[in-house]
N, C-alpha and C. Protein backbone atom coordinates (compact mmCIF):
# COMPACT_ATOMS: atom_id res chain seq x y z
N MET A 1 0.85 -1.17 0.00
CA MET A 1 0.00 0.00 0.00
C MET A 1 0.89 1.24 0.00
N ARG A 2 0.45 2.24 -0.74
CA ARG A 2 1.13 3.55 -0.77
C ARG A 2 0.17 4.58 -0.20
N TRP A 3 0.72 5.65 0.35
CA TRP A 3 -0.13 6.70 0.89
C TRP A 3 0.54 8.05 0.74
N THR A 4 -0.30 9.08 0.81
CA THR A 4 0.17 10.46 0.75
C THR A 4 -0.79 11.33 1.55
N VAL A 5 -0.43 12.57 1.71
CA VAL A 5 -1.29 13.55 2.38
C VAL A 5 -1.63 14.64 1.38
N LEU A 6 -2.94 14.89 1.24
CA LEU A 6 -3.42 15.92 0.32
C LEU A 6 -4.12 17.02 1.11
N PRO A 7 -3.85 18.28 0.80
CA PRO A 7 -4.56 19.37 1.48
C PRO A 7 -5.99 19.46 0.97
N SER A 8 -6.89 19.94 1.83
CA SER A 8 -8.29 20.15 1.42
C SER A 8 -8.89 21.25 2.29
N PRO A 9 -10.06 21.74 1.92
CA PRO A 9 -10.73 22.77 2.74
C PRO A 9 -11.14 22.27 4.13
N VAL A 10 -11.15 20.95 4.34
CA VAL A 10 -11.50 20.40 5.65
C VAL A 10 -10.26 19.85 6.36
N GLY A 11 -9.10 20.31 5.96
CA GLY A 11 -7.86 19.87 6.57
C GLY A 11 -7.17 18.81 5.72
N ASP A 12 -5.97 18.46 6.14
CA ASP A 12 -5.22 17.45 5.40
C ASP A 12 -5.95 16.11 5.38
N LEU A 13 -5.87 15.45 4.23
CA LEU A 13 -6.47 14.13 4.05
C LEU A 13 -5.35 13.14 3.77
N THR A 14 -5.29 12.07 4.54
CA THR A 14 -4.36 10.99 4.25
C THR A 14 -5.08 10.03 3.33
N VAL A 15 -4.49 9.77 2.17
CA VAL A 15 -5.10 8.91 1.17
C VAL A 15 -4.17 7.72 0.94
N ALA A 16 -4.75 6.52 0.98
CA ALA A 16 -3.98 5.30 0.76
C ALA A 16 -4.57 4.53 -0.41
N ARG A 17 -3.67 3.86 -1.14
CA ARG A 17 -4.15 3.05 -2.26
C ARG A 17 -3.32 1.80 -2.38
N THR A 18 -3.97 0.76 -2.88
CA THR A 18 -3.30 -0.48 -3.23
C THR A 18 -3.32 -0.56 -4.75
N ASP A 19 -2.79 -1.63 -5.30
CA ASP A 19 -2.88 -1.81 -6.76
C ASP A 19 -4.32 -1.93 -7.21
N ALA A 20 -5.21 -2.37 -6.31
CA ALA A 20 -6.63 -2.55 -6.66
C ALA A 20 -7.42 -1.25 -6.61
N GLY A 21 -6.97 -0.27 -5.83
CA GLY A 21 -7.71 0.98 -5.75
C GLY A 21 -7.51 1.71 -4.44
N ILE A 22 -8.35 2.72 -4.21
CA ILE A 22 -8.27 3.55 -3.01
C ILE A 22 -8.72 2.72 -1.81
N ALA A 23 -7.86 2.66 -0.80
CA ALA A 23 -8.16 1.89 0.41
C ALA A 23 -8.60 2.78 1.55
N GLY A 24 -8.28 4.07 1.48
CA GLY A 24 -8.67 4.95 2.56
C GLY A 24 -8.50 6.41 2.24
N VAL A 25 -9.40 7.22 2.84
CA VAL A 25 -9.29 8.68 2.85
C VAL A 25 -9.67 9.08 4.28
N TRP A 26 -8.67 9.56 5.02
CA TRP A 26 -8.88 9.87 6.43
C TRP A 26 -8.52 11.32 6.72
N PHE A 27 -9.24 11.88 7.68
CA PHE A 27 -8.94 13.23 8.16
C PHE A 27 -7.75 13.18 9.11
N ALA A 28 -7.09 14.31 9.32
CA ALA A 28 -5.92 14.37 10.18
C ALA A 28 -6.24 13.89 11.60
N ASP A 29 -7.43 14.21 12.09
CA ASP A 29 -7.82 13.80 13.45
C ASP A 29 -8.96 12.79 13.40
N HIS A 30 -8.94 11.94 12.40
CA HIS A 30 -9.97 10.93 12.17
C HIS A 30 -10.13 10.04 13.41
N ARG A 31 -11.36 9.93 13.89
CA ARG A 31 -11.62 9.06 15.03
C ARG A 31 -11.25 7.63 14.66
N GLY A 32 -10.47 6.98 15.46
CA GLY A 32 -10.01 5.64 15.15
C GLY A 32 -8.64 5.64 14.50
N GLY A 33 -8.23 6.76 13.95
CA GLY A 33 -6.91 6.91 13.36
C GLY A 33 -6.64 6.02 12.15
N VAL A 34 -5.47 6.16 11.61
CA VAL A 34 -5.09 5.42 10.42
C VAL A 34 -3.80 4.63 10.61
N SER A 35 -3.21 4.71 11.78
CA SER A 35 -1.89 4.12 11.99
C SER A 35 -1.85 2.62 11.72
N GLU A 36 -2.87 1.86 12.12
CA GLU A 36 -2.87 0.42 11.89
C GLU A 36 -2.87 0.11 10.39
N THR A 37 -3.65 0.82 9.65
CA THR A 37 -3.77 0.56 8.21
C THR A 37 -2.47 0.86 7.49
N LEU A 38 -1.78 1.89 7.91
CA LEU A 38 -0.59 2.35 7.19
C LEU A 38 0.72 1.85 7.80
N ALA A 39 0.65 1.02 8.81
CA ALA A 39 1.84 0.59 9.53
C ALA A 39 2.93 0.02 8.62
N ASP A 40 2.57 -0.79 7.67
CA ASP A 40 3.56 -1.41 6.78
C ASP A 40 3.49 -0.84 5.37
N SER A 41 3.23 0.44 5.26
CA SER A 41 3.03 1.07 3.96
C SER A 41 4.15 2.04 3.65
N ASP A 42 4.20 2.42 2.39
CA ASP A 42 5.21 3.38 1.93
C ASP A 42 4.55 4.72 1.63
N ARG A 43 5.13 5.79 2.16
CA ARG A 43 4.61 7.12 1.85
C ARG A 43 5.12 7.56 0.49
N ASP A 44 4.19 8.09 -0.29
CA ASP A 44 4.52 8.68 -1.58
C ASP A 44 4.63 10.18 -1.35
N GLY A 45 5.82 10.62 -1.02
CA GLY A 45 6.03 12.03 -0.69
C GLY A 45 5.65 12.99 -1.79
N SER A 46 5.81 12.59 -3.04
CA SER A 46 5.47 13.47 -4.16
C SER A 46 3.98 13.43 -4.47
N GLY A 47 3.31 12.36 -4.04
CA GLY A 47 1.89 12.22 -4.35
C GLY A 47 1.63 11.88 -5.80
N ALA A 48 2.66 11.48 -6.53
CA ALA A 48 2.52 11.21 -7.97
C ALA A 48 1.49 10.14 -8.28
N ALA A 49 1.37 9.15 -7.41
CA ALA A 49 0.42 8.06 -7.66
C ALA A 49 -1.01 8.43 -7.29
N PHE A 50 -1.22 9.68 -6.89
CA PHE A 50 -2.53 10.11 -6.40
C PHE A 50 -3.13 11.26 -7.20
N GLY A 51 -2.64 11.46 -8.41
CA GLY A 51 -3.14 12.56 -9.23
C GLY A 51 -4.63 12.50 -9.48
N ASP A 52 -5.17 11.29 -9.71
CA ASP A 52 -6.60 11.14 -9.96
C ASP A 52 -7.42 11.53 -8.74
N VAL A 53 -6.96 11.14 -7.57
CA VAL A 53 -7.67 11.48 -6.33
C VAL A 53 -7.60 12.98 -6.08
N ARG A 54 -6.41 13.55 -6.23
CA ARG A 54 -6.22 15.00 -6.04
C ARG A 54 -7.16 15.77 -6.97
N GLU A 55 -7.20 15.37 -8.23
CA GLU A 55 -8.05 16.06 -9.20
C GLU A 55 -9.53 15.95 -8.85
N GLN A 56 -9.99 14.74 -8.54
CA GLN A 56 -11.41 14.57 -8.27
C GLN A 56 -11.85 15.21 -6.96
N LEU A 57 -11.01 15.14 -5.94
CA LEU A 57 -11.35 15.83 -4.70
C LEU A 57 -11.38 17.34 -4.92
N GLY A 58 -10.42 17.86 -5.70
CA GLY A 58 -10.41 19.29 -6.01
C GLY A 58 -11.69 19.71 -6.73
N GLU A 59 -12.12 18.92 -7.69
CA GLU A 59 -13.37 19.23 -8.41
C GLU A 59 -14.57 19.16 -7.47
N TYR A 60 -14.57 18.20 -6.57
CA TYR A 60 -15.66 18.09 -5.60
C TYR A 60 -15.72 19.35 -4.73
N PHE A 61 -14.58 19.74 -4.16
CA PHE A 61 -14.58 20.91 -3.29
C PHE A 61 -14.84 22.20 -4.05
N ASP A 62 -14.58 22.23 -5.34
CA ASP A 62 -14.90 23.39 -6.18
C ASP A 62 -16.35 23.39 -6.65
N GLY A 63 -17.11 22.34 -6.31
CA GLY A 63 -18.51 22.24 -6.72
C GLY A 63 -18.70 21.77 -8.15
N ARG A 64 -17.66 21.20 -8.75
CA ARG A 64 -17.76 20.74 -10.14
C ARG A 64 -17.89 19.23 -10.27
N ARG A 65 -17.90 18.50 -9.17
CA ARG A 65 -18.02 17.04 -9.22
C ARG A 65 -19.03 16.59 -8.18
N THR A 66 -19.98 15.76 -8.60
CA THR A 66 -21.00 15.25 -7.68
C THR A 66 -20.85 13.75 -7.42
N THR A 67 -20.06 13.07 -8.22
CA THR A 67 -19.77 11.65 -8.00
C THR A 67 -18.28 11.43 -8.27
N PHE A 68 -17.77 10.37 -7.70
CA PHE A 68 -16.36 10.04 -7.89
C PHE A 68 -16.24 8.82 -8.79
N ASP A 69 -15.21 8.85 -9.61
CA ASP A 69 -14.94 7.76 -10.53
C ASP A 69 -13.52 7.26 -10.24
N LEU A 70 -13.38 6.60 -9.12
CA LEU A 70 -12.08 6.10 -8.68
C LEU A 70 -12.22 4.61 -8.36
N PRO A 71 -11.21 3.82 -8.65
CA PRO A 71 -11.26 2.42 -8.22
C PRO A 71 -11.14 2.37 -6.69
N LEU A 72 -12.01 1.60 -6.06
CA LEU A 72 -12.02 1.53 -4.60
C LEU A 72 -11.67 0.13 -4.13
N ALA A 73 -10.94 0.06 -3.02
CA ALA A 73 -10.54 -1.22 -2.44
C ALA A 73 -10.58 -1.13 -0.91
N PRO A 74 -11.77 -0.86 -0.34
CA PRO A 74 -11.85 -0.77 1.12
C PRO A 74 -11.73 -2.16 1.75
N ARG A 75 -11.18 -2.18 2.95
CA ARG A 75 -11.08 -3.43 3.70
C ARG A 75 -12.19 -3.47 4.73
N GLY A 76 -12.98 -4.53 4.70
CA GLY A 76 -14.05 -4.69 5.67
C GLY A 76 -14.79 -5.99 5.43
N ASP A 77 -15.64 -6.35 6.38
CA ASP A 77 -16.40 -7.59 6.22
C ASP A 77 -17.51 -7.40 5.18
N ALA A 78 -18.18 -8.48 4.86
CA ALA A 78 -19.18 -8.46 3.78
C ALA A 78 -20.31 -7.48 4.08
N PHE A 79 -20.81 -7.44 5.33
CA PHE A 79 -21.90 -6.53 5.66
C PHE A 79 -21.44 -5.08 5.53
N ALA A 80 -20.26 -4.78 6.05
CA ALA A 80 -19.76 -3.40 5.96
C ALA A 80 -19.62 -2.98 4.50
N ARG A 81 -19.11 -3.86 3.66
CA ARG A 81 -18.97 -3.51 2.23
C ARG A 81 -20.33 -3.28 1.59
N ARG A 82 -21.37 -4.02 2.01
CA ARG A 82 -22.72 -3.77 1.49
C ARG A 82 -23.21 -2.38 1.92
N VAL A 83 -22.93 -2.02 3.15
CA VAL A 83 -23.32 -0.69 3.64
C VAL A 83 -22.58 0.38 2.85
N TRP A 84 -21.27 0.21 2.65
CA TRP A 84 -20.48 1.20 1.93
C TRP A 84 -20.95 1.32 0.48
N ASP A 85 -21.37 0.21 -0.12
CA ASP A 85 -21.94 0.28 -1.47
C ASP A 85 -23.24 1.08 -1.46
N ALA A 86 -24.05 0.88 -0.42
CA ALA A 86 -25.32 1.63 -0.31
C ALA A 86 -25.03 3.12 -0.13
N LEU A 87 -24.00 3.46 0.61
CA LEU A 87 -23.64 4.88 0.80
C LEU A 87 -23.37 5.55 -0.54
N ARG A 88 -22.76 4.81 -1.44
CA ARG A 88 -22.43 5.37 -2.76
C ARG A 88 -23.68 5.61 -3.60
N GLU A 89 -24.81 5.06 -3.19
CA GLU A 89 -26.08 5.27 -3.90
C GLU A 89 -26.81 6.53 -3.42
N ILE A 90 -26.37 7.11 -2.32
CA ILE A 90 -27.02 8.33 -1.81
C ILE A 90 -26.67 9.47 -2.76
N PRO A 91 -27.67 10.06 -3.40
CA PRO A 91 -27.37 11.12 -4.36
C PRO A 91 -26.74 12.35 -3.69
N TYR A 92 -25.88 12.98 -4.42
CA TYR A 92 -25.26 14.25 -4.00
C TYR A 92 -26.37 15.22 -3.59
N GLY A 93 -26.17 15.89 -2.48
CA GLY A 93 -27.14 16.90 -2.04
C GLY A 93 -28.32 16.33 -1.29
N THR A 94 -28.30 15.04 -0.97
CA THR A 94 -29.40 14.45 -0.21
C THR A 94 -28.84 13.73 1.01
N THR A 95 -29.74 13.40 1.93
CA THR A 95 -29.34 12.63 3.10
C THR A 95 -30.29 11.45 3.25
N TRP A 96 -29.78 10.38 3.80
CA TRP A 96 -30.57 9.22 4.17
C TRP A 96 -30.30 8.95 5.64
N SER A 97 -31.27 8.31 6.28
CA SER A 97 -31.06 7.91 7.68
C SER A 97 -30.47 6.51 7.72
N TYR A 98 -30.00 6.13 8.89
CA TYR A 98 -29.50 4.77 9.07
C TYR A 98 -30.60 3.76 8.75
N GLY A 99 -31.84 4.10 9.14
CA GLY A 99 -32.99 3.24 8.85
C GLY A 99 -33.24 3.11 7.36
N ASP A 100 -33.07 4.19 6.61
CA ASP A 100 -33.24 4.15 5.15
C ASP A 100 -32.27 3.13 4.55
N ILE A 101 -31.04 3.16 5.01
CA ILE A 101 -30.03 2.24 4.48
C ILE A 101 -30.36 0.81 4.91
N ALA A 102 -30.76 0.63 6.16
CA ALA A 102 -31.12 -0.71 6.64
C ALA A 102 -32.26 -1.28 5.80
N ARG A 103 -33.26 -0.46 5.49
CA ARG A 103 -34.38 -0.93 4.64
C ARG A 103 -33.88 -1.33 3.26
N ARG A 104 -32.98 -0.55 2.70
CA ARG A 104 -32.42 -0.89 1.38
C ARG A 104 -31.69 -2.22 1.42
N LEU A 105 -31.12 -2.53 2.57
CA LEU A 105 -30.38 -3.78 2.70
C LEU A 105 -31.27 -4.92 3.18
N GLY A 106 -32.56 -4.64 3.35
CA GLY A 106 -33.52 -5.68 3.67
C GLY A 106 -33.79 -5.95 5.13
N GLY A 107 -33.34 -5.09 6.02
CA GLY A 107 -33.57 -5.34 7.44
C GLY A 107 -33.70 -4.08 8.25
N ILE A 108 -34.93 -3.62 8.45
CA ILE A 108 -35.15 -2.38 9.19
C ILE A 108 -34.54 -2.46 10.59
N GLY A 109 -34.46 -3.63 11.17
CA GLY A 109 -33.89 -3.78 12.49
C GLY A 109 -32.38 -3.69 12.52
N HIS A 110 -31.77 -3.45 11.39
CA HIS A 110 -30.31 -3.42 11.30
C HIS A 110 -29.73 -2.00 11.36
N SER A 111 -30.53 -1.04 11.77
CA SER A 111 -30.07 0.35 11.77
C SER A 111 -28.80 0.54 12.59
N GLN A 112 -28.72 -0.12 13.74
CA GLN A 112 -27.54 0.04 14.59
C GLN A 112 -26.31 -0.57 13.91
N ALA A 113 -26.47 -1.73 13.27
CA ALA A 113 -25.35 -2.35 12.56
C ALA A 113 -24.92 -1.47 11.38
N VAL A 114 -25.89 -0.84 10.73
CA VAL A 114 -25.56 0.09 9.65
C VAL A 114 -24.75 1.26 10.20
N GLY A 115 -25.13 1.75 11.38
CA GLY A 115 -24.39 2.84 12.00
C GLY A 115 -22.95 2.47 12.32
N VAL A 116 -22.75 1.26 12.79
CA VAL A 116 -21.39 0.79 13.10
C VAL A 116 -20.57 0.72 11.82
N ALA A 117 -21.13 0.11 10.78
CA ALA A 117 -20.41 -0.01 9.51
C ALA A 117 -20.15 1.37 8.91
N ASN A 118 -21.13 2.25 8.99
CA ASN A 118 -20.97 3.60 8.48
C ASN A 118 -19.81 4.30 9.19
N GLY A 119 -19.73 4.13 10.50
CA GLY A 119 -18.67 4.74 11.29
C GLY A 119 -17.29 4.19 10.97
N ARG A 120 -17.24 3.00 10.39
CA ARG A 120 -15.97 2.38 10.04
C ARG A 120 -15.59 2.56 8.57
N ASN A 121 -16.39 3.34 7.85
CA ASN A 121 -16.09 3.60 6.45
C ASN A 121 -14.68 4.18 6.32
N PRO A 122 -13.79 3.49 5.62
CA PRO A 122 -12.42 3.98 5.54
C PRO A 122 -12.18 5.01 4.42
N ILE A 123 -13.20 5.25 3.60
CA ILE A 123 -12.98 6.13 2.44
C ILE A 123 -13.91 7.34 2.54
N SER A 124 -13.59 8.21 3.49
CA SER A 124 -14.42 9.40 3.72
C SER A 124 -14.54 10.24 2.45
N ILE A 125 -15.62 10.95 2.35
CA ILE A 125 -15.97 11.87 1.27
C ILE A 125 -16.29 11.10 -0.01
N VAL A 126 -15.37 10.28 -0.50
CA VAL A 126 -15.59 9.52 -1.74
C VAL A 126 -16.73 8.52 -1.56
N VAL A 127 -16.75 7.84 -0.44
CA VAL A 127 -17.88 7.00 -0.03
C VAL A 127 -18.60 7.85 1.01
N PRO A 128 -19.70 8.50 0.60
CA PRO A 128 -20.25 9.64 1.34
C PRO A 128 -21.02 9.31 2.62
N CYS A 129 -20.30 8.84 3.63
CA CYS A 129 -20.94 8.57 4.92
C CYS A 129 -21.43 9.86 5.58
N HIS A 130 -20.93 11.01 5.13
CA HIS A 130 -21.40 12.28 5.69
C HIS A 130 -22.87 12.55 5.33
N ARG A 131 -23.41 11.81 4.36
CA ARG A 131 -24.80 12.01 3.95
C ARG A 131 -25.79 11.21 4.79
N VAL A 132 -25.31 10.55 5.83
CA VAL A 132 -26.18 9.75 6.70
C VAL A 132 -26.46 10.54 7.97
N VAL A 133 -27.76 10.65 8.28
CA VAL A 133 -28.20 11.41 9.45
C VAL A 133 -29.10 10.54 10.31
N GLY A 134 -29.42 11.04 11.49
CA GLY A 134 -30.34 10.34 12.37
C GLY A 134 -31.74 10.28 11.79
N HIS A 135 -32.60 9.45 12.35
CA HIS A 135 -33.97 9.28 11.83
C HIS A 135 -34.76 10.58 11.81
N ASP A 136 -34.40 11.53 12.69
CA ASP A 136 -35.09 12.81 12.74
C ASP A 136 -34.37 13.90 11.96
N GLY A 137 -33.35 13.50 11.19
CA GLY A 137 -32.59 14.46 10.39
C GLY A 137 -31.44 15.12 11.12
N ALA A 138 -31.24 14.75 12.40
CA ALA A 138 -30.17 15.36 13.19
C ALA A 138 -28.80 14.87 12.73
N LEU A 139 -27.82 15.76 12.81
CA LEU A 139 -26.44 15.36 12.55
C LEU A 139 -25.97 14.51 13.71
N VAL A 140 -25.59 13.30 13.39
CA VAL A 140 -25.07 12.40 14.42
C VAL A 140 -23.81 11.73 13.91
N GLY A 141 -22.89 11.52 14.80
CA GLY A 141 -21.66 10.80 14.53
C GLY A 141 -20.99 11.06 13.20
N TYR A 142 -19.73 11.34 13.24
CA TYR A 142 -18.92 11.43 12.04
C TYR A 142 -17.48 11.34 12.46
N ALA A 143 -16.74 10.40 11.89
CA ALA A 143 -15.36 10.15 12.31
C ALA A 143 -14.47 11.37 12.12
N GLY A 144 -14.84 12.27 11.24
CA GLY A 144 -14.06 13.48 11.02
C GLY A 144 -14.55 14.66 11.83
N GLY A 145 -15.56 14.45 12.66
CA GLY A 145 -16.13 15.52 13.47
C GLY A 145 -17.36 16.13 12.80
N LEU A 146 -18.31 16.53 13.62
CA LEU A 146 -19.56 17.06 13.08
C LEU A 146 -19.37 18.34 12.28
N TRP A 147 -18.35 19.12 12.61
CA TRP A 147 -18.14 20.36 11.84
C TRP A 147 -17.81 20.03 10.40
N ARG A 148 -17.06 18.94 10.16
CA ARG A 148 -16.75 18.55 8.78
C ARG A 148 -18.00 18.02 8.08
N LYS A 149 -18.78 17.26 8.80
CA LYS A 149 -20.03 16.74 8.22
C LYS A 149 -20.90 17.90 7.77
N ARG A 150 -21.05 18.91 8.62
CA ARG A 150 -21.85 20.10 8.29
C ARG A 150 -21.24 20.80 7.08
N PHE A 151 -19.93 20.95 7.05
CA PHE A 151 -19.26 21.60 5.92
C PHE A 151 -19.59 20.86 4.62
N LEU A 152 -19.45 19.54 4.61
CA LEU A 152 -19.68 18.76 3.40
C LEU A 152 -21.14 18.82 2.97
N LEU A 153 -22.06 18.74 3.92
CA LEU A 153 -23.49 18.84 3.58
C LEU A 153 -23.82 20.23 3.05
N ASP A 154 -23.25 21.27 3.65
CA ASP A 154 -23.47 22.63 3.15
C ASP A 154 -22.89 22.80 1.74
N LEU A 155 -21.75 22.20 1.49
CA LEU A 155 -21.13 22.26 0.17
C LEU A 155 -22.07 21.67 -0.88
N GLU A 156 -22.77 20.60 -0.52
CA GLU A 156 -23.67 19.92 -1.45
C GLU A 156 -25.08 20.48 -1.48
N GLU A 157 -25.40 21.36 -0.58
CA GLU A 157 -26.78 21.84 -0.41
C GLU A 157 -27.44 22.41 -1.66
N PRO A 158 -26.75 23.11 -2.56
CA PRO A 158 -27.45 23.65 -3.73
C PRO A 158 -28.19 22.59 -4.55
N SER A 159 -27.80 21.34 -4.44
CA SER A 159 -28.49 20.29 -5.19
C SER A 159 -29.74 19.81 -4.49
N ALA A 160 -30.00 20.26 -3.28
CA ALA A 160 -31.12 19.74 -2.52
C ALA A 160 -32.47 20.05 -3.18
N ASP A 161 -32.55 21.13 -3.95
CA ASP A 161 -33.83 21.47 -4.57
C ASP A 161 -34.13 20.58 -5.78
N GLU A 162 -33.26 19.63 -6.07
CA GLU A 162 -33.49 18.70 -7.16
C GLU A 162 -34.22 17.46 -6.69
N GLY A 163 -34.95 17.57 -5.57
CA GLY A 163 -35.76 16.46 -5.09
C GLY A 163 -35.14 15.70 -3.95
N GLY A 164 -33.97 16.08 -3.48
CA GLY A 164 -33.34 15.38 -2.39
C GLY A 164 -33.91 15.80 -1.07
N ARG A 165 -33.71 14.99 -0.07
CA ARG A 165 -34.17 15.30 1.27
C ARG A 165 -32.99 15.82 2.06
N LEU A 166 -32.97 17.09 2.31
CA LEU A 166 -31.94 17.67 3.14
C LEU A 166 -32.66 18.23 4.36
N PHE A 167 -32.23 17.89 5.52
CA PHE A 167 -32.95 18.21 6.75
C PHE A 167 -33.04 19.66 6.97
């Protein structure tokens, strides 16, 4: 695995990739940290292997990109990967609740498990876990901090009038 640090409007992002794709995008003070994942990895000081990520994140923060087209290779169990796939279905500028995702996965009683998997999403922003809110629309839990979640939702807000549910 290779990794680098990219600057962003929400602080430095540590980005890791394998030959299969992006394995992680973490905030500098990401809850849970990244040290275990990167322990046996090589830092790409120049960031040369991350040009596609740099470009797409830049377009996202500039408001010119609403979806990401990057190969992804997150590490997680089968249920977590199903949740992360569901997160990628949440349209830009909208929010879903944990219950909404649980229903999509066929089990309304799985909201808490969805919350755990959502909290372990290793690919922040690209896999938009920031678009998940509580059943009442409240901002709850975010590994990068609620201020970042609010920033990202505000960044996407202009699309909310396209039929999305923004609290």
